[in-house]
C-alpha atoms as a PDB file:
ATOM      1  CA  MET A   1      51.057 -64.837 107.503  1.00  0.00           C
ATOM      2  CA  SER A   2      53.890 -66.969 105.950  1.00  0.00           C
ATOM      3  CA  VAL A   3      53.144 -70.518 105.045  1.00  0.00           C
ATOM      4  CA  SER A   4      55.602 -73.219 105.890  1.00  0.00           C
ATOM      5  CA  ARG A   5      55.694 -76.795 105.101  1.00  0.00           C
ATOM      6  CA  ARG A   6      57.482 -79.686 106.480  1.00  0.00           C
ATOM      7  CA  ASN A   7      57.082 -83.362 105.996  1.00  0.00           C
ATOM      8  CA  VAL A   8      56.881 -85.320 109.487  1.00  0.00           C
ATOM      9  CA  ARG A   9      56.638 -88.907 110.360  1.00  0.00           C
ATOM     10  CA  LEU A  10      53.617 -90.320 112.002  1.00  0.00           C
ATOM     11  CA  PHE A  11      54.060 -92.988 114.757  1.00  0.00           C
ATOM     12  CA  ARG A  12      52.005 -94.854 117.318  1.00  0.00           C
ATOM     13  CA  ASN A  13      51.999 -93.866 120.947  1.00  0.00           C
ATOM     14  CA  GLY A  14      49.745 -96.692 122.605  1.00  0.00           C
ATOM     15  CA  ARG A  15      46.573 -96.662 120.563  1.00  0.00           C
ATOM     16  CA  ASN A  16      47.020 -93.106 119.374  1.00  0.00           C
ATOM     17  CA  GLN A  17      48.545 -91.870 116.228  1.00  0.00           C
ATOM     18  CA  ALA A  18      51.197 -89.106 116.967  1.00  0.00           C
ATOM     19  CA  LEU A  19      53.619 -86.770 115.348  1.00  0.00           C
ATOM     20  CA  ARG A  20      56.442 -84.641 116.708  1.00  0.00           C
ATOM     21  CA  ILE A  21      55.979 -80.988 116.094  1.00  0.00           C
ATOM     22  CA  PRO A  22      59.182 -79.416 114.812  1.00  0.00           C
ATOM     23  CA  ARG A  23      60.681 -76.538 116.714  1.00  0.00           C
ATOM     24  CA  GLU A  24      59.845 -73.888 114.131  1.00  0.00           C
ATOM     25  CA  PHE A  25      55.912 -74.973 114.458  1.00  0.00           C
ATOM     26  CA  GLU A  26      55.795 -74.935 118.262  1.00  0.00           C
ATOM     27  CA  ILE A  27      52.928 -73.193 119.711  1.00  0.00           C
ATOM     28  CA  ASP A  28      52.741 -71.420 123.080  1.00  0.00           C
ATOM     29  CA  GLY A  29      51.022 -72.956 126.073  1.00  0.00           C
ATOM     30  CA  ASP A  30      50.439 -76.729 126.995  1.00  0.00           C
ATOM     31  CA  GLU A  31      47.000 -77.088 125.314  1.00  0.00           C
ATOM     32  CA  ALA A  32      45.838 -77.012 121.932  1.00  0.00           C
ATOM     33  CA  ILE A  33      42.561 -77.472 119.933  1.00  0.00           C
ATOM     34  CA  LEU A  34      42.631 -80.011 117.214  1.00  0.00           C
ATOM     35  CA  HIS A  35      39.882 -80.097 114.557  1.00  0.00           C
ATOM     36  CA  LYS A  36      39.528 -81.759 111.237  1.00  0.00           C
ATOM     37  CA  GLU A  37      38.597 -80.026 107.969  1.00  0.00           C
ATOM     38  CA  GLY A  38      38.173 -82.455 105.314  1.00  0.00           C
ATOM     39  CA  ASP A  39      41.414 -84.530 105.191  1.00  0.00           C
ATOM     40  CA  ARG A  40      43.333 -81.642 107.038  1.00  0.00           C
ATOM     41  CA  LEU A  41      44.139 -81.699 110.689  1.00  0.00           C
ATOM     42  CA  ILE A  42      44.452 -78.209 112.158  1.00  0.00           C
ATOM     43  CA  ILE A  43      46.075 -77.486 115.498  1.00  0.00           C
ATOM     44  CA  GLU A  44      45.543 -74.193 117.282  1.00  0.00           C
ATOM     45  CA  PRO A  45      46.660 -72.918 120.568  1.00  0.00           C
ATOM     46  CA  VAL A  46      44.157 -72.441 123.418  1.00  0.00           C
ATOM     47  CA  ARG A  47      44.041 -68.788 124.011  1.00  0.00           C
ATOM     48  CA  ARG A  48      42.875 -67.912 127.539  1.00  0.00           C
ATOM     49  CA  GLY A  49      42.206 -64.481 129.038  1.00  0.00           C
ATOM     50  CA  LYS A  50      41.424 -62.624 125.844  1.00  0.00           C
ATOM     51  CA  LEU A  51      37.780 -61.909 126.604  1.00  0.00           C
ATOM     52  CA  LEU A  52      38.514 -59.277 129.319  1.00  0.00           C
ATOM     53  CA  ALA A  53      41.104 -57.804 127.062  1.00  0.00           C
ATOM     54  CA  MET A  54      38.613 -57.500 124.194  1.00  0.00           C
ATOM     55  CA  LEU A  55      35.903 -56.197 126.476  1.00  0.00           C
ATOM     56  CA  ALA A  56      38.245 -53.437 127.520  1.00  0.00           C
ATOM     57  CA  THR A  57      38.425 -52.168 124.034  1.00  0.00           C
ATOM     58  CA  LEU A  58      34.622 -51.705 123.743  1.00  0.00           C
ATOM     59  CA  GLU A  59      32.956 -48.296 124.192  1.00  0.00           C
ATOM     60  CA  PRO A  60      30.903 -48.023 127.474  1.00  0.00           C
ATOM     61  CA  LEU A  61      27.081 -48.094 127.135  1.00  0.00           C
ATOM     62  CA  PRO A  62      25.179 -44.792 127.370  1.00  0.00           C
ATOM     63  CA  GLU A  63      23.910 -43.847 130.767  1.00  0.00           C
ATOM     64  CA  ASP A  64      20.255 -44.022 129.593  1.00  0.00           C
ATOM     65  CA  PHE A  65      20.762 -47.578 128.188  1.00  0.00           C
ATOM     66  CA  SER A  66      18.048 -49.976 129.602  1.00  0.00           C
ATOM     67  CA  VAL A  67      16.648 -53.365 128.648  1.00  0.00           C
ATOM     68  CA  THR A  68      12.902 -53.758 128.684  1.00  0.00           C
ATOM     69  CA  PRO A  69      11.776 -57.215 129.371  1.00  0.00           C
ATOM     70  CA  HIS A  70       9.131 -58.723 127.186  1.00  0.00           C
ATOM     71  CA  PRO A  71       6.584 -61.382 128.190  1.00  0.00           C
ATOM     72  CA  LEU A  72       6.983 -64.849 126.929  1.00  0.00           C
ATOM     73  CA  VAL A  73       3.869 -66.068 125.432  1.00  0.00           C
ATOM     74  CA  VAL A  74       3.380 -69.853 124.953  1.00  0.00           C
ATOM     75  CA  PRO A  75       0.059 -70.754 123.583  1.00  0.00           C
ATOM     76  CA  GLY A  76      -1.965 -73.268 125.805  1.00  0.00           C
ATOM     77  CA  LEU A  77       0.240 -72.482 128.835  1.00  0.00           C
ATOM     78  CA  THR A  78      -1.374 -70.761 131.657  1.00  0.00           C
ATOM     79  CA  ARG A  79       1.624 -70.348 133.891  1.00  0.00           C
ATOM     80  CA  ASP A  80       3.286 -66.988 134.190  1.00  0.00           C
ATOM     81  CA  LEU A  81       6.522 -67.174 132.256  1.00  0.00           C
ATOM     82  CA  GLN A  82       7.940 -63.678 132.865  1.00  0.00           C
ATOM     83  CA  PRO A  83      11.673 -63.977 133.179  1.00  0.00           C
ATOM     84  CA  TRP A  84      11.415 -62.654 136.744  1.00  0.00           C
ATOM     85  CA  ASN A  85       8.617 -64.907 137.935  1.00  0.00           C
ATOM     86  CA  CYS A  86       9.486 -68.347 136.313  1.00  0.00           C
ATOM     87  CA  LEU A  87      12.102 -69.435 138.835  1.00  0.00           C
ATOM     88  CA  MET A  88      11.125 -71.089 142.111  1.00  0.00           C
ATOM     89  CA  HIS A  89      12.794 -69.374 145.048  1.00  0.00           C
ATOM     90  CA  PRO A  90      13.723 -71.576 148.045  1.00  0.00           C
ATOM     91  CA  GLY A  91      10.849 -71.724 150.576  1.00  0.00           C
ATOM     92  CA  ARG A  92       8.302 -70.484 147.952  1.00  0.00           C
ATOM     93  CA  LYS A  93       5.202 -72.777 147.730  1.00  0.00           C
ATOM     94  CA  GLU A  94       2.913 -72.974 144.759  1.00  0.00           C
ATOM     95  CA  ALA A  95      -0.547 -71.561 145.293  1.00  0.00           C
ATOM     96  CA  ALA A  96      -3.285 -74.247 146.279  1.00  0.00           C
ATOM     97  CA  GLY A  97      -4.802 -75.840 143.268  1.00  0.00           C
ATOM     98  CA  ALA A  98      -2.276 -74.313 140.820  1.00  0.00           C
ATOM     99  CA  PRO A  99      -1.891 -76.621 137.830  1.00  0.00           C
ATOM    100  CA  HIS A 100       1.273 -78.382 137.321  1.00  0.00           C
ATOM    101  CA  HIS A 101       2.755 -78.363 133.602  1.00  0.00           C
ATOM    102  CA  SER A 102       5.282 -81.088 132.894  1.00  0.00           C
ATOM    103  CA  HIS A 103       6.441 -79.013 129.987  1.00  0.00           C
ATOM    104  CA  ALA A 104       7.057 -75.962 132.075  1.00  0.00           C
ATOM    105  CA  LEU A 105      10.343 -74.694 133.131  1.00  0.00           C
ATOM    106  CA  PRO A 106      12.213 -76.892 135.738  1.00  0.00           C
ATOM    107  CA  ARG A 107      12.032 -75.735 139.217  1.00  0.00           C
END
């Protein structure tokens, strides 16, 4: 990676401070990410669509690969928090007299 430097003028564009990016520093696209590290401003292009390309380079999982769910234990909470039981399905009613926990998962 080559390092280039160039002095640029800062100016006001309404209430924003701005600068013109010289042609040799142009970045692809019409969006960028700006972040500050100390007194440095860093501008990076927004890269879209790279996730699928990266995933395509990964080796496939073995045929016998499986995920075993583990129960979630919360001391003092009597409600079943198994990942497959904790979501309310449309039309499903709570059992009569079932306790309501304000700290339980949203329904």
